[in-house]
């Protein structure tokens, strides 16, 4: 149902796009909701969760200070 979510910070990934972050958020929401695609009556909540997690993830990645090692 859900492929692995990849690490989106250096040194694991150097060039992270908005699409990468959104794809990870979508995979997360799919995993925790148990739905690959929501029914029509759940679509708004599903989409809102993806957007909220995308924004939170972008904020997290922007704030992280990565040191030399893993």
PDB file of N, CA and C in Angstrom:
ATOM      1  N   UNK A   1       0.821  -1.199   0.000  1.00  0.00           N
ATOM      2  CA  UNK A   1       0.000   0.000   0.000  1.00  0.00           C
ATOM      3  C   UNK A   1       0.858   1.252   0.000  1.00  0.00           C
ATOM      4  N   UNK A   2       1.965   1.238   0.682  1.00  0.00           N
ATOM      5  CA  UNK A   2       2.725   2.470   0.868  1.00  0.00           C
ATOM      6  C   UNK A   2       4.203   2.177   0.705  1.00  0.00           C
ATOM      7  N   UNK A   3       4.849   2.911  -0.194  1.00  0.00           N
ATOM      8  CA  UNK A   3       6.288   2.734  -0.332  1.00  0.00           C
ATOM      9  C   UNK A   3       6.982   3.483   0.791  1.00  0.00           C
ATOM     10  N   UNK A   4       8.222   3.201   0.984  1.00  0.00           N
ATOM     11  CA  UNK A   4       8.975   3.850   2.049  1.00  0.00           C
ATOM     12  C   UNK A   4       9.105   5.348   1.788  1.00  0.00           C
ATOM     13  N   UNK A   5       9.048   6.098   2.848  1.00  0.00           N
ATOM     14  CA  UNK A   5       9.260   7.532   2.758  1.00  0.00           C
ATOM     15  C   UNK A   5      10.756   7.765   2.906  1.00  0.00           C
ATOM     16  N   UNK A   6      11.355   8.461   1.938  1.00  0.00           N
ATOM     17  CA  UNK A   6      12.798   8.667   1.994  1.00  0.00           C
ATOM     18  C   UNK A   6      13.154   9.866   2.870  1.00  0.00           C
ATOM     19  N   UNK A   7      14.371   9.850   3.376  1.00  0.00           N
ATOM     20  CA  UNK A   7      14.882  10.964   4.167  1.00  0.00           C
ATOM     21  C   UNK A   7      15.087  12.157   3.249  1.00  0.00           C
ATOM     22  N   UNK A   8      14.633  13.310   3.688  1.00  0.00           N
ATOM     23  CA  UNK A   8      14.654  14.499   2.829  1.00  0.00           C
ATOM     24  C   UNK A   8      15.595  15.589   3.333  1.00  0.00           C
ATOM     25  N   UNK A   9      16.670  15.212   3.965  1.00  0.00           N
ATOM     26  CA  UNK A   9      17.634  16.213   4.425  1.00  0.00           C
ATOM     27  C   UNK A   9      19.041  15.764   4.062  1.00  0.00           C
ATOM     28  N   UNK A  10      19.948  16.733   3.939  1.00  0.00           N
ATOM     29  CA  UNK A  10      21.352  16.390   3.699  1.00  0.00           C
ATOM     30  C   UNK A  10      21.889  15.602   4.898  1.00  0.00           C
ATOM     31  N   UNK A  11      22.779  14.705   4.755  1.00  0.00           N
ATOM     32  CA  UNK A  11      23.496  14.317   3.539  1.00  0.00           C
ATOM     33  C   UNK A  11      22.777  13.247   2.733  1.00  0.00           C
ATOM     34  N   UNK A  12      21.588  12.847   3.130  1.00  0.00           N
ATOM     35  CA  UNK A  12      20.859  11.790   2.429  1.00  0.00           C
ATOM     36  C   UNK A  12      20.320  12.257   1.087  1.00  0.00           C
ATOM     37  N   UNK A  13      19.811  13.464   1.050  1.00  0.00           N
ATOM     38  CA  UNK A  13      19.258  14.048  -0.166  1.00  0.00           C
ATOM     39  C   UNK A  13      19.686  15.509  -0.230  1.00  0.00           C
ATOM     40  N   UNK A  14      20.297  15.890  -1.319  1.00  0.00           N
ATOM     41  CA  UNK A  14      20.783  17.263  -1.449  1.00  0.00           C
ATOM     42  C   UNK A  14      19.735  18.205  -2.032  1.00  0.00           C
ATOM     43  N   UNK A  15      19.070  17.793  -3.085  1.00  0.00           N
ATOM     44  CA  UNK A  15      18.114  18.659  -3.777  1.00  0.00           C
ATOM     45  C   UNK A  15      16.689  18.178  -3.528  1.00  0.00           C
ATOM     46  N   UNK A  16      16.049  18.747  -2.530  1.00  0.00           N
ATOM     47  CA  UNK A  16      14.680  18.373  -2.169  1.00  0.00           C
ATOM     48  C   UNK A  16      13.729  19.365  -2.810  1.00  0.00           C
ATOM     49  N   UNK A  17      12.764  18.852  -3.554  1.00  0.00           N
ATOM     50  CA  UNK A  17      11.780  19.713  -4.197  1.00  0.00           C
ATOM     51  C   UNK A  17      10.495  19.750  -3.376  1.00  0.00           C
ATOM     52  N   UNK A  18       9.654  20.704  -3.693  1.00  0.00           N
ATOM     53  CA  UNK A  18       8.334  20.784  -3.062  1.00  0.00           C
ATOM     54  C   UNK A  18       7.540  19.508  -3.337  1.00  0.00           C
ATOM     55  N   UNK A  19       7.708  18.954  -4.535  1.00  0.00           N
ATOM     56  CA  UNK A  19       7.029  17.701  -4.884  1.00  0.00           C
ATOM     57  C   UNK A  19       7.505  16.541  -4.022  1.00  0.00           C
ATOM     58  N   UNK A  20       8.806  16.514  -3.687  1.00  0.00           N
ATOM     59  CA  UNK A  20       9.340  15.465  -2.809  1.00  0.00           C
ATOM     60  C   UNK A  20       8.687  15.525  -1.432  1.00  0.00           C
ATOM     61  N   UNK A  21       8.571  16.743  -0.902  1.00  0.00           N
ATOM     62  CA  UNK A  21       7.987  16.920   0.432  1.00  0.00           C
ATOM     63  C   UNK A  21       6.507  16.552   0.407  1.00  0.00           C
ATOM     64  N   UNK A  22       5.799  16.979  -0.619  1.00  0.00           N
ATOM     65  CA  UNK A  22       4.379  16.657  -0.722  1.00  0.00           C
ATOM     66  C   UNK A  22       4.160  15.154  -0.889  1.00  0.00           C
ATOM     67  N   UNK A  23       5.013  14.487  -1.668  1.00  0.00           N
ATOM     68  CA  UNK A  23       4.896  13.033  -1.857  1.00  0.00           C
ATOM     69  C   UNK A  23       5.091  12.299  -0.527  1.00  0.00           C
ATOM     70  N   UNK A  24       6.033  12.758   0.273  1.00  0.00           N
ATOM     71  CA  UNK A  24       6.249  12.142   1.583  1.00  0.00           C
ATOM     72  C   UNK A  24       5.040  12.364   2.490  1.00  0.00           C
ATOM     73  N   UNK A  25       4.481  13.580   2.449  1.00  0.00           N
ATOM     74  CA  UNK A  25       3.293  13.880   3.252  1.00  0.00           C
ATOM     75  C   UNK A  25       2.119  13.009   2.817  1.00  0.00           C
ATOM     76  N   UNK A  26       1.941  12.854   1.520  1.00  0.00           N
ATOM     77  CA  UNK A  26       0.864  12.015   0.997  1.00  0.00           C
ATOM     78  C   UNK A  26       1.026  10.569   1.454  1.00  0.00           C
ATOM     79  N   UNK A  27       2.248  10.053   1.387  1.00  0.00           N
ATOM     80  CA  UNK A  27       2.500   8.676   1.825  1.00  0.00           C
ATOM     81  C   UNK A  27       2.196   8.521   3.314  1.00  0.00           C
ATOM     82  N   UNK A  28       2.560   9.512   4.095  1.00  0.00           N
ATOM     83  CA  UNK A  28       2.289   9.489   5.530  1.00  0.00           C
ATOM     84  C   UNK A  28       0.785   9.452   5.802  1.00  0.00           C
ATOM     85  N   UNK A  29       0.042  10.329   5.141  1.00  0.00           N
ATOM     86  CA  UNK A  29      -1.404  10.374   5.348  1.00  0.00           C
ATOM     87  C   UNK A  29      -2.052   9.067   4.889  1.00  0.00           C
ATOM     88  N   UNK A  30      -1.602   8.523   3.775  1.00  0.00           N
ATOM     89  CA  UNK A  30      -2.121   7.235   3.315  1.00  0.00           C
ATOM     90  C   UNK A  30      -1.877   6.146   4.347  1.00  0.00           C
ATOM     91  N   UNK A  31      -0.677   6.145   4.908  1.00  0.00           N
ATOM     92  CA  UNK A  31      -0.311   5.111   5.868  1.00  0.00           C
ATOM     93  C   UNK A  31      -1.150   5.201   7.132  1.00  0.00           C
ATOM     94  N   UNK A  32      -1.244   6.406   7.708  1.00  0.00           N
ATOM     95  CA  UNK A  32      -1.954   6.502   8.982  1.00  0.00           C
ATOM     96  C   UNK A  32      -3.469   6.423   8.834  1.00  0.00           C
ATOM     97  N   UNK A  33      -3.994   6.804   7.654  1.00  0.00           N
ATOM     98  CA  UNK A  33      -5.448   6.738   7.459  1.00  0.00           C
ATOM     99  C   UNK A  33      -5.902   5.351   7.020  1.00  0.00           C
ATOM    100  N   UNK A  34      -4.973   4.615   6.400  1.00  0.00           N
ATOM    101  CA  UNK A  34      -5.345   3.302   5.879  1.00  0.00           C
ATOM    102  C   UNK A  34      -6.016   3.370   4.521  1.00  0.00           C
ATOM    103  N   UNK A  35      -6.044   4.543   3.907  1.00  0.00           N
ATOM    104  CA  UNK A  35      -6.668   4.721   2.600  1.00  0.00           C
ATOM    105  C   UNK A  35      -5.632   5.157   1.570  1.00  0.00           C
ATOM    106  N   UNK A  36      -5.639   4.496   0.419  1.00  0.00           N
ATOM    107  CA  UNK A  36      -4.775   4.948  -0.667  1.00  0.00           C
ATOM    108  C   UNK A  36      -5.380   6.202  -1.291  1.00  0.00           C
ATOM    109  N   UNK A  37      -6.694   6.189  -1.446  1.00  0.00           N
ATOM    110  CA  UNK A  37      -7.444   7.350  -1.928  1.00  0.00           C
ATOM    111  C   UNK A  37      -8.722   7.419  -1.093  1.00  0.00           C
ATOM    112  N   UNK A  38      -9.048   8.585  -0.579  1.00  0.00           N
ATOM    113  CA  UNK A  38     -10.219   8.685   0.287  1.00  0.00           C
ATOM    114  C   UNK A  38     -11.525   8.667  -0.500  1.00  0.00           C
ATOM    115  N   UNK A  39     -12.584   8.252   0.174  1.00  0.00           N
ATOM    116  CA  UNK A  39     -13.928   8.368  -0.388  1.00  0.00           C
ATOM    117  C   UNK A  39     -14.260   9.862  -0.495  1.00  0.00           C
ATOM    118  N   UNK A  40     -15.214  10.176  -1.320  1.00  0.00           N
ATOM    119  CA  UNK A  40     -15.583  11.578  -1.559  1.00  0.00           C
ATOM    120  C   UNK A  40     -15.869  12.326  -0.261  1.00  0.00           C
ATOM    121  N   UNK A  41     -16.539  11.670   0.689  1.00  0.00           N
ATOM    122  CA  UNK A  41     -16.890  12.349   1.939  1.00  0.00           C
ATOM    123  C   UNK A  41     -15.684  12.570   2.856  1.00  0.00           C
ATOM    124  N   UNK A  42     -14.539  11.941   2.551  1.00  0.00           N
ATOM    125  CA  UNK A  42     -13.327  12.136   3.343  1.00  0.00           C
ATOM    126  C   UNK A  42     -12.245  12.921   2.596  1.00  0.00           C
ATOM    127  N   UNK A  43     -12.494  13.269   1.359  1.00  0.00           N
ATOM    128  CA  UNK A  43     -11.465  13.888   0.518  1.00  0.00           C
ATOM    129  C   UNK A  43     -10.964  15.214   1.077  1.00  0.00           C
ATOM    130  N   UNK A  44     -11.845  16.047   1.577  1.00  0.00           N
ATOM    131  CA  UNK A  44     -11.428  17.349   2.088  1.00  0.00           C
ATOM    132  C   UNK A  44     -10.500  17.191   3.294  1.00  0.00           C
ATOM    133  N   UNK A  45     -10.850  16.330   4.227  1.00  0.00           N
ATOM    134  CA  UNK A  45     -10.009  16.099   5.412  1.00  0.00           C
ATOM    135  C   UNK A  45      -8.669  15.492   5.013  1.00  0.00           C
ATOM    136  N   UNK A  46      -8.691  14.568   4.072  1.00  0.00           N
ATOM    137  CA  UNK A  46      -7.482  13.909   3.578  1.00  0.00           C
ATOM    138  C   UNK A  46      -6.553  14.945   2.940  1.00  0.00           C
ATOM    139  N   UNK A  47      -7.082  15.757   2.030  1.00  0.00           N
ATOM    140  CA  UNK A  47      -6.282  16.768   1.340  1.00  0.00           C
ATOM    141  C   UNK A  47      -5.750  17.818   2.312  1.00  0.00           C
ATOM    142  N   UNK A  48      -6.564  18.199   3.270  1.00  0.00           N
ATOM    143  CA  UNK A  48      -6.138  19.187   4.268  1.00  0.00           C
ATOM    144  C   UNK A  48      -4.981  18.629   5.104  1.00  0.00           C
ATOM    145  N   UNK A  49      -5.056  17.350   5.453  1.00  0.00           N
ATOM    146  CA  UNK A  49      -3.972  16.717   6.211  1.00  0.00           C
ATOM    147  C   UNK A  49      -2.683  16.688   5.405  1.00  0.00           C
ATOM    148  N   UNK A  50      -2.774  16.362   4.120  1.00  0.00           N
ATOM    149  CA  UNK A  50      -1.582  16.345   3.265  1.00  0.00           C
ATOM    150  C   UNK A  50      -0.956  17.732   3.213  1.00  0.00           C
ATOM    151  N   UNK A  51      -1.751  18.764   3.035  1.00  0.00           N
ATOM    152  CA  UNK A  51      -1.223  20.128   2.958  1.00  0.00           C
ATOM    153  C   UNK A  51      -0.611  20.570   4.285  1.00  0.00           C
ATOM    154  N   UNK A  52      -1.260  20.247   5.390  1.00  0.00           N
ATOM    155  CA  UNK A  52      -0.746  20.615   6.711  1.00  0.00           C
ATOM    156  C   UNK A  52       0.588  19.930   6.983  1.00  0.00           C
ATOM    157  N   UNK A  53       0.682  18.654   6.670  1.00  0.00           N
ATOM    158  CA  UNK A  53       1.920  17.913   6.890  1.00  0.00           C
ATOM    159  C   UNK A  53       3.012  18.383   5.935  1.00  0.00           C
ATOM    160  N   UNK A  54       2.648  18.739   4.715  1.00  0.00           N
ATOM    161  CA  UNK A  54       3.627  19.282   3.774  1.00  0.00           C
ATOM    162  C   UNK A  54       4.232  20.563   4.338  1.00  0.00           C
ATOM    163  N   UNK A  55       3.388  21.485   4.797  1.00  0.00           N
ATOM    164  CA  UNK A  55       3.886  22.757   5.353  1.00  0.00           C
ATOM    165  C   UNK A  55       4.759  22.521   6.580  1.00  0.00           C
ATOM    166  N   UNK A  56       4.308  21.654   7.472  1.00  0.00           N
ATOM    167  CA  UNK A  56       5.084  21.368   8.691  1.00  0.00           C
ATOM    168  C   UNK A  56       6.427  20.740   8.337  1.00  0.00           C
ATOM    169  N   UNK A  57       6.445  19.879   7.351  1.00  0.00           N
ATOM    170  CA  UNK A  57       7.689  19.231   6.924  1.00  0.00           C
ATOM    171  C   UNK A  57       8.648  20.239   6.311  1.00  0.00           C
ATOM    172  N   UNK A  58       8.126  21.146   5.496  1.00  0.00           N
ATOM    173  CA  UNK A  58       8.969  22.188   4.898  1.00  0.00           C
ATOM    174  C   UNK A  58       9.565  23.083   5.983  1.00  0.00           C
ATOM    175  N   UNK A  59       8.769  23.431   6.989  1.00  0.00           N
ATOM    176  CA  UNK A  59       9.270  24.242   8.098  1.00  0.00           C
ATOM    177  C   UNK A  59      10.356  23.497   8.865  1.00  0.00           C
ATOM    178  N   UNK A  60      10.131  22.221   9.119  1.00  0.00           N
ATOM    179  CA  UNK A  60      11.116  21.410   9.824  1.00  0.00           C
ATOM    180  C   UNK A  60      12.427  21.346   9.050  1.00  0.00           C
ATOM    181  N   UNK A  61      12.347  21.022   7.770  1.00  0.00           N
ATOM    182  CA  UNK A  61      13.556  20.906   6.957  1.00  0.00           C
ATOM    183  C   UNK A  61      14.316  22.222   6.877  1.00  0.00           C
ATOM    184  N   UNK A  62      13.602  23.325   6.817  1.00  0.00           N
ATOM    185  CA  UNK A  62      14.246  24.641   6.750  1.00  0.00           C
ATOM    186  C   UNK A  62      14.937  24.992   8.073  1.00  0.00           C
ATOM    187  N   UNK A  63      14.426  24.492   9.181  1.00  0.00           N
ATOM    188  CA  UNK A  63      14.964  24.838  10.503  1.00  0.00           C
ATOM    189  C   UNK A  63      16.099  23.915  10.955  1.00  0.00           C
ATOM    190  N   UNK A  64      16.203  22.726  10.382  1.00  0.00           N
ATOM    191  CA  UNK A  64      17.222  21.775  10.820  1.00  0.00           C
ATOM    192  C   UNK A  64      18.625  22.290  10.528  1.00  0.00           C
ATOM    193  N   UNK A  65      19.510  22.084  11.478  1.00  0.00           N
ATOM    194  CA  UNK A  65      20.920  22.391  11.306  1.00  0.00           C
ATOM    195  C   UNK A  65      21.659  21.071  11.274  1.00  0.00           C
ATOM    196  N   UNK A  66      22.192  20.731  10.122  1.00  0.00           N
ATOM    197  CA  UNK A  66      22.840  19.435   9.935  1.00  0.00           C
ATOM    198  C   UNK A  66      24.336  19.600  10.150  1.00  0.00           C
ATOM    199  N   UNK A  67      24.876  18.757  11.015  1.00  0.00           N
ATOM    200  CA  UNK A  67      26.322  18.770  11.258  1.00  0.00           C
ATOM    201  C   UNK A  67      27.003  17.853  10.265  1.00  0.00           C
ATOM    202  N   UNK A  68      28.299  17.774  10.316  1.00  0.00           N
ATOM    203  CA  UNK A  68      29.106  17.017   9.346  1.00  0.00           C
ATOM    204  C   UNK A  68      28.747  15.557   9.196  1.00  0.00           C
ATOM    205  N   UNK A  69      28.464  14.809  10.225  1.00  0.00           N
ATOM    206  CA  UNK A  69      28.205  13.374  10.112  1.00  0.00           C
ATOM    207  C   UNK A  69      26.750  13.042  10.067  1.00  0.00           C
ATOM    208  N   UNK A  70      26.462  11.766   9.898  1.00  0.00           N
ATOM    209  CA  UNK A  70      25.078  11.297   9.883  1.00  0.00           C
ATOM    210  C   UNK A  70      24.667  11.081  11.298  1.00  0.00           C
TER     211      UNK A  70
END
